[in-house]
Amino acid sequence: MARVSDDELLQLAHIVGQKLHAKGWMLATAESCTGGWVAQVVTAIPGSSAWFDRGFVTYSNRAKQEMLGVNAATLEAHGAVSEETVREMATGALAKSQADISVSLSGIAGPGGGLPRKPVGTVCIGWAMNDAAPLSTTCRLSGDREEVRSRAVAAALRGLIELID
């Protein structure tokens, strides 16, 4: 299978932007395995400064703790690739930004790093909104590193679209 096309990612980001702009909301991102790809695709949309506040790339556990306030105990108990961690990442992105909604991602894009309980292609995505409990999901994505990462970006954007609605 091929990775999600740039055109499809841009279409999803455009929809996210339209929905955020209509509500007067700002978005923040907190990314690990995608390395800022969500932020890159949303800022490729002209006018995104009206609805995108900032992005955090927190690849290491230390960065997750220092920049987003992820609890060391959460990382110790559940690992970086967990719904507990991405919920804390999303909540931290809201707290450290001017955003109304956030999305976070942490996963194992491969080719190495997988474990029996968390194989390559495991990606956890979290979303948070002001005055609401954070949400999360775990995806099992197939393909090589680029395919896993592009599919994770698409899943994060689709989740934002659903949540904004």
C-alpha atoms as a PDB file:
ATOM      1  CA  MET A   1       0.000   0.000   0.000  1.00  0.00           C
ATOM      2  CA  ALA A   2       1.107   3.537  -0.637  1.00  0.00           C
ATOM      3  CA  ARG A   3       1.263   6.275   1.922  1.00  0.00           C
ATOM      4  CA  VAL A   4      -1.553   8.769   2.235  1.00  0.00           C
ATOM      5  CA  SER A   5      -1.036  11.298  -0.556  1.00  0.00           C
ATOM      6  CA  ASP A   6      -0.029  14.880   0.116  1.00  0.00           C
ATOM      7  CA  ASP A   7      -3.216  15.965  -1.664  1.00  0.00           C
ATOM      8  CA  GLU A   8      -5.400  13.924   0.692  1.00  0.00           C
ATOM      9  CA  LEU A   9      -3.575  15.242   3.756  1.00  0.00           C
ATOM     10  CA  LEU A  10      -3.972  18.816   2.485  1.00  0.00           C
ATOM     11  CA  GLN A  11      -7.693  18.223   1.855  1.00  0.00           C
ATOM     12  CA  LEU A  12      -8.129  16.955   5.422  1.00  0.00           C
ATOM     13  CA  ALA A  13      -6.137  19.901   6.822  1.00  0.00           C
ATOM     14  CA  HIS A  14      -8.253  22.320   4.768  1.00  0.00           C
ATOM     15  CA  ILE A  15     -11.450  20.850   6.261  1.00  0.00           C
ATOM     16  CA  VAL A  16      -9.973  21.080   9.769  1.00  0.00           C
ATOM     17  CA  GLY A  17      -9.105  24.724   9.111  1.00  0.00           C
ATOM     18  CA  GLN A  18     -12.557  25.591   7.787  1.00  0.00           C
ATOM     19  CA  LYS A  19     -14.229  24.032  10.821  1.00  0.00           C
ATOM     20  CA  LEU A  20     -11.865  25.670  13.304  1.00  0.00           C
ATOM     21  CA  HIS A  21     -12.199  29.060  11.608  1.00  0.00           C
ATOM     22  CA  ALA A  22     -16.012  28.809  11.652  1.00  0.00           C
ATOM     23  CA  LYS A  23     -15.938  28.265  15.428  1.00  0.00           C
ATOM     24  CA  GLY A  24     -13.197  30.818  16.082  1.00  0.00           C
ATOM     25  CA  TRP A  25     -11.018  28.107  17.610  1.00  0.00           C
ATOM     26  CA  MET A  26      -7.250  27.667  17.623  1.00  0.00           C
ATOM     27  CA  LEU A  27      -5.397  24.357  17.275  1.00  0.00           C
ATOM     28  CA  ALA A  28      -2.216  23.105  18.950  1.00  0.00           C
ATOM     29  CA  THR A  29      -0.377  19.894  18.084  1.00  0.00           C
ATOM     30  CA  ALA A  30       1.871  17.646  20.184  1.00  0.00           C
ATOM     31  CA  GLU A  31       3.749  15.120  18.085  1.00  0.00           C
ATOM     32  CA  SER A  32       6.252  12.373  18.647  1.00  0.00           C
ATOM     33  CA  CYS A  33       6.375   9.712  15.902  1.00  0.00           C
ATOM     34  CA  THR A  34       5.112  12.124  13.229  1.00  0.00           C
ATOM     35  CA  GLY A  35       7.838  14.659  13.975  1.00  0.00           C
ATOM     36  CA  GLY A  36       5.720  17.739  13.292  1.00  0.00           C
ATOM     37  CA  TRP A  37       3.995  16.411  10.162  1.00  0.00           C
ATOM     38  CA  VAL A  38       0.521  17.405  11.414  1.00  0.00           C
ATOM     39  CA  ALA A  39       1.761  20.937  12.077  1.00  0.00           C
ATOM     40  CA  GLN A  40       3.463  21.012   8.678  1.00  0.00           C
ATOM     41  CA  VAL A  41       0.354  19.984   6.773  1.00  0.00           C
ATOM     42  CA  VAL A  42      -1.967  22.409   8.588  1.00  0.00           C
ATOM     43  CA  THR A  43       0.441  25.307   8.092  1.00  0.00           C
ATOM     44  CA  ALA A  44       0.573  24.487   4.377  1.00  0.00           C
ATOM     45  CA  ILE A  45      -2.997  25.835   4.225  1.00  0.00           C
ATOM     46  CA  PRO A  46      -3.081  29.564   3.380  1.00  0.00           C
ATOM     47  CA  GLY A  47      -4.581  31.543   6.252  1.00  0.00           C
ATOM     48  CA  SER A  48      -3.806  28.886   8.865  1.00  0.00           C
ATOM     49  CA  SER A  49      -2.453  31.560  11.205  1.00  0.00           C
ATOM     50  CA  ALA A  50      -6.120  32.363  11.921  1.00  0.00           C
ATOM     51  CA  TRP A  51      -6.661  28.908  13.461  1.00  0.00           C
ATOM     52  CA  PHE A  52      -3.285  27.286  14.226  1.00  0.00           C
ATOM     53  CA  ASP A  53      -1.514  28.439  17.382  1.00  0.00           C
ATOM     54  CA  ARG A  54       1.552  26.200  17.773  1.00  0.00           C
ATOM     55  CA  GLY A  55       3.039  22.740  17.574  1.00  0.00           C
ATOM     56  CA  PHE A  56       5.238  20.771  19.933  1.00  0.00           C
ATOM     57  CA  VAL A  57       7.576  18.051  18.680  1.00  0.00           C
ATOM     58  CA  THR A  58       8.351  15.967  21.753  1.00  0.00           C
ATOM     59  CA  TYR A  59      10.223  12.923  20.522  1.00  0.00           C
ATOM     60  CA  SER A  60      11.923  12.004  23.791  1.00  0.00           C
ATOM     61  CA  ASN A  61      10.221  11.194  27.070  1.00  0.00           C
ATOM     62  CA  ARG A  62      12.110  14.086  28.650  1.00  0.00           C
ATOM     63  CA  ALA A  63      10.676  16.494  26.084  1.00  0.00           C
ATOM     64  CA  LYS A  64       7.176  15.155  26.755  1.00  0.00           C
ATOM     65  CA  GLN A  65       7.692  15.870  30.440  1.00  0.00           C
ATOM     66  CA  GLU A  66       9.413  19.260  30.108  1.00  0.00           C
ATOM     67  CA  MET A  67       7.343  20.770  27.296  1.00  0.00           C
ATOM     68  CA  LEU A  68       3.929  19.200  27.898  1.00  0.00           C
ATOM     69  CA  GLY A  69       3.924  18.233  31.555  1.00  0.00           C
ATOM     70  CA  VAL A  70       3.518  14.500  30.939  1.00  0.00           C
ATOM     71  CA  ASN A  71       3.898  12.752  34.286  1.00  0.00           C
ATOM     72  CA  ALA A  72       6.976  10.542  34.702  1.00  0.00           C
ATOM     73  CA  ALA A  73       4.761   7.978  36.452  1.00  0.00           C
ATOM     74  CA  THR A  74       2.527   7.780  33.372  1.00  0.00           C
ATOM     75  CA  LEU A  75       5.516   7.112  31.136  1.00  0.00           C
ATOM     76  CA  GLU A  76       6.894   4.537  33.571  1.00  0.00           C
ATOM     77  CA  ALA A  77       3.590   2.691  33.969  1.00  0.00           C
ATOM     78  CA  HIS A  78       2.255   2.847  30.413  1.00  0.00           C
ATOM     79  CA  GLY A  79       5.122   3.893  28.130  1.00  0.00           C
ATOM     80  CA  ALA A  80       5.374   6.719  25.620  1.00  0.00           C
ATOM     81  CA  VAL A  81       3.152   4.844  23.174  1.00  0.00           C
ATOM     82  CA  SER A  82      -0.026   4.692  25.236  1.00  0.00           C
ATOM     83  CA  GLU A  83      -3.417   6.328  25.364  1.00  0.00           C
ATOM     84  CA  GLU A  84      -2.615   7.593  28.860  1.00  0.00           C
ATOM     85  CA  THR A  85       0.458   9.414  27.547  1.00  0.00           C
ATOM     86  CA  VAL A  86      -1.236  10.953  24.493  1.00  0.00           C
ATOM     87  CA  ARG A  87      -4.111  12.213  26.645  1.00  0.00           C
ATOM     88  CA  GLU A  88      -1.557  13.950  28.874  1.00  0.00           C
ATOM     89  CA  MET A  89       0.283  15.259  25.796  1.00  0.00           C
ATOM     90  CA  ALA A  90      -2.949  16.711  24.355  1.00  0.00           C
ATOM     91  CA  THR A  91      -3.919  18.240  27.704  1.00  0.00           C
ATOM     92  CA  GLY A  92      -0.430  19.713  28.088  1.00  0.00           C
ATOM     93  CA  ALA A  93      -0.540  21.215  24.590  1.00  0.00           C
ATOM     94  CA  LEU A  94      -3.766  23.006  25.531  1.00  0.00           C
ATOM     95  CA  ALA A  95      -2.341  24.228  28.827  1.00  0.00           C
ATOM     96  CA  LYS A  96       0.831  25.586  27.204  1.00  0.00           C
ATOM     97  CA  SER A  97      -0.876  27.315  24.270  1.00  0.00           C
ATOM     98  CA  GLN A  98      -3.710  29.633  23.366  1.00  0.00           C
ATOM     99  CA  ALA A  99      -5.543  26.766  21.651  1.00  0.00           C
ATOM    100  CA  ASP A 100      -9.099  25.574  22.161  1.00  0.00           C
ATOM    101  CA  ILE A 101      -8.408  22.083  20.809  1.00  0.00           C
ATOM    102  CA  SER A 102      -5.318  19.926  20.482  1.00  0.00           C
ATOM    103  CA  VAL A 103      -4.170  16.669  18.958  1.00  0.00           C
ATOM    104  CA  SER A 104      -1.265  14.478  20.037  1.00  0.00           C
ATOM    105  CA  LEU A 105       0.448  11.428  18.538  1.00  0.00           C
ATOM    106  CA  SER A 106       2.940   8.878  19.799  1.00  0.00           C
ATOM    107  CA  GLY A 107       3.746   5.624  18.075  1.00  0.00           C
ATOM    108  CA  ILE A 108       6.137   3.046  16.705  1.00  0.00           C
ATOM    109  CA  ALA A 109       6.656   3.837  13.029  1.00  0.00           C
ATOM    110  CA  GLY A 110       9.383   1.224  12.500  1.00  0.00           C
ATOM    111  CA  PRO A 111      11.137  -0.484  11.035  1.00  0.00           C
ATOM    112  CA  GLY A 112      12.393  -1.447  14.518  1.00  0.00           C
ATOM    113  CA  GLY A 113      11.195  -0.757  18.031  1.00  0.00           C
ATOM    114  CA  GLY A 114       8.117  -2.955  18.064  1.00  0.00           C
ATOM    115  CA  LEU A 115       7.217  -5.272  20.921  1.00  0.00           C
ATOM    116  CA  PRO A 116       4.692  -8.121  21.083  1.00  0.00           C
ATOM    117  CA  ARG A 117       2.177  -5.905  22.923  1.00  0.00           C
ATOM    118  CA  LYS A 118       3.051  -2.839  20.830  1.00  0.00           C
ATOM    119  CA  PRO A 119       4.138  -3.938  17.366  1.00  0.00           C
ATOM    120  CA  VAL A 120       5.464  -1.627  14.664  1.00  0.00           C
ATOM    121  CA  GLY A 121       2.496   0.369  13.370  1.00  0.00           C
ATOM    122  CA  THR A 122       1.000   1.004  16.816  1.00  0.00           C
ATOM    123  CA  VAL A 123       0.068   4.668  17.063  1.00  0.00           C
ATOM    124  CA  CYS A 124      -1.842   6.322  19.891  1.00  0.00           C
ATOM    125  CA  ILE A 125      -3.666   9.567  19.167  1.00  0.00           C
ATOM    126  CA  GLY A 126      -5.144  11.935  21.733  1.00  0.00           C
ATOM    127  CA  TRP A 127      -7.419  14.941  21.460  1.00  0.00           C
ATOM    128  CA  ALA A 128      -8.286  17.546  24.067  1.00  0.00           C
ATOM    129  CA  MET A 129     -10.674  20.484  24.151  1.00  0.00           C
ATOM    130  CA  ASN A 130     -11.108  23.122  26.813  1.00  0.00           C
ATOM    131  CA  ASP A 131     -13.601  22.057  29.488  1.00  0.00           C
ATOM    132  CA  ALA A 132     -13.863  18.450  28.263  1.00  0.00           C
ATOM    133  CA  ALA A 133     -12.201  15.166  29.183  1.00  0.00           C
ATOM    134  CA  PRO A 134      -9.432  14.232  26.741  1.00  0.00           C
ATOM    135  CA  LEU A 135     -10.084  11.432  24.254  1.00  0.00           C
ATOM    136  CA  SER A 136      -7.742   8.867  22.760  1.00  0.00           C
ATOM    137  CA  THR A 137      -7.521   5.874  20.479  1.00  0.00           C
ATOM    138  CA  THR A 138      -4.969   3.300  19.438  1.00  0.00           C
ATOM    139  CA  CYS A 139      -4.474   2.517  15.750  1.00  0.00           C
ATOM    140  CA  ARG A 140      -2.674  -0.465  14.245  1.00  0.00           C
ATOM    141  CA  LEU A 141      -1.350   0.870  10.965  1.00  0.00           C
ATOM    142  CA  SER A 142       0.318  -1.198   8.285  1.00  0.00           C
ATOM    143  CA  GLY A 143       3.154  -0.349   5.938  1.00  0.00           C
ATOM    144  CA  ASP A 144       6.661   0.979   6.087  1.00  0.00           C
ATOM    145  CA  ARG A 145       7.740   3.930   8.252  1.00  0.00           C
ATOM    146  CA  GLU A 146       6.491   6.573   5.810  1.00  0.00           C
ATOM    147  CA  GLU A 147       3.150   4.809   5.341  1.00  0.00           C
ATOM    148  CA  VAL A 148       2.584   4.421   9.085  1.00  0.00           C
ATOM    149  CA  ARG A 149       3.425   8.076   9.708  1.00  0.00           C
ATOM    150  CA  SER A 150       1.238   9.421   6.877  1.00  0.00           C
ATOM    151  CA  ARG A 151      -1.689   7.251   7.990  1.00  0.00           C
ATOM    152  CA  ALA A 152      -1.246   8.508  11.554  1.00  0.00           C
ATOM    153  CA  VAL A 153      -1.391  12.123  10.354  1.00  0.00           C
ATOM    154  CA  ALA A 154      -4.570  11.372   8.378  1.00  0.00           C
ATOM    155  CA  ALA A 155      -6.162   9.629  11.383  1.00  0.00           C
ATOM    156  CA  ALA A 156      -5.325  12.571  13.637  1.00  0.00           C
ATOM    157  CA  LEU A 157      -6.875  15.049  11.191  1.00  0.00           C
ATOM    158  CA  ARG A 158      -9.993  12.888  10.699  1.00  0.00           C
ATOM    159  CA  GLY A 159     -10.380  12.729  14.475  1.00  0.00           C
ATOM    160  CA  LEU A 160     -10.159  16.517  14.701  1.00  0.00           C
ATOM    161  CA  ILE A 161     -12.882  16.845  12.048  1.00  0.00           C
ATOM    162  CA  GLU A 162     -15.188  14.532  13.997  1.00  0.00           C
ATOM    163  CA  LEU A 163     -14.477  16.238  17.313  1.00  0.00           C
ATOM    164  CA  ILE A 164     -14.998  19.771  15.992  1.00  0.00           C
ATOM    165  CA  ASP A 165     -18.373  18.739  14.582  1.00  0.00           C
END
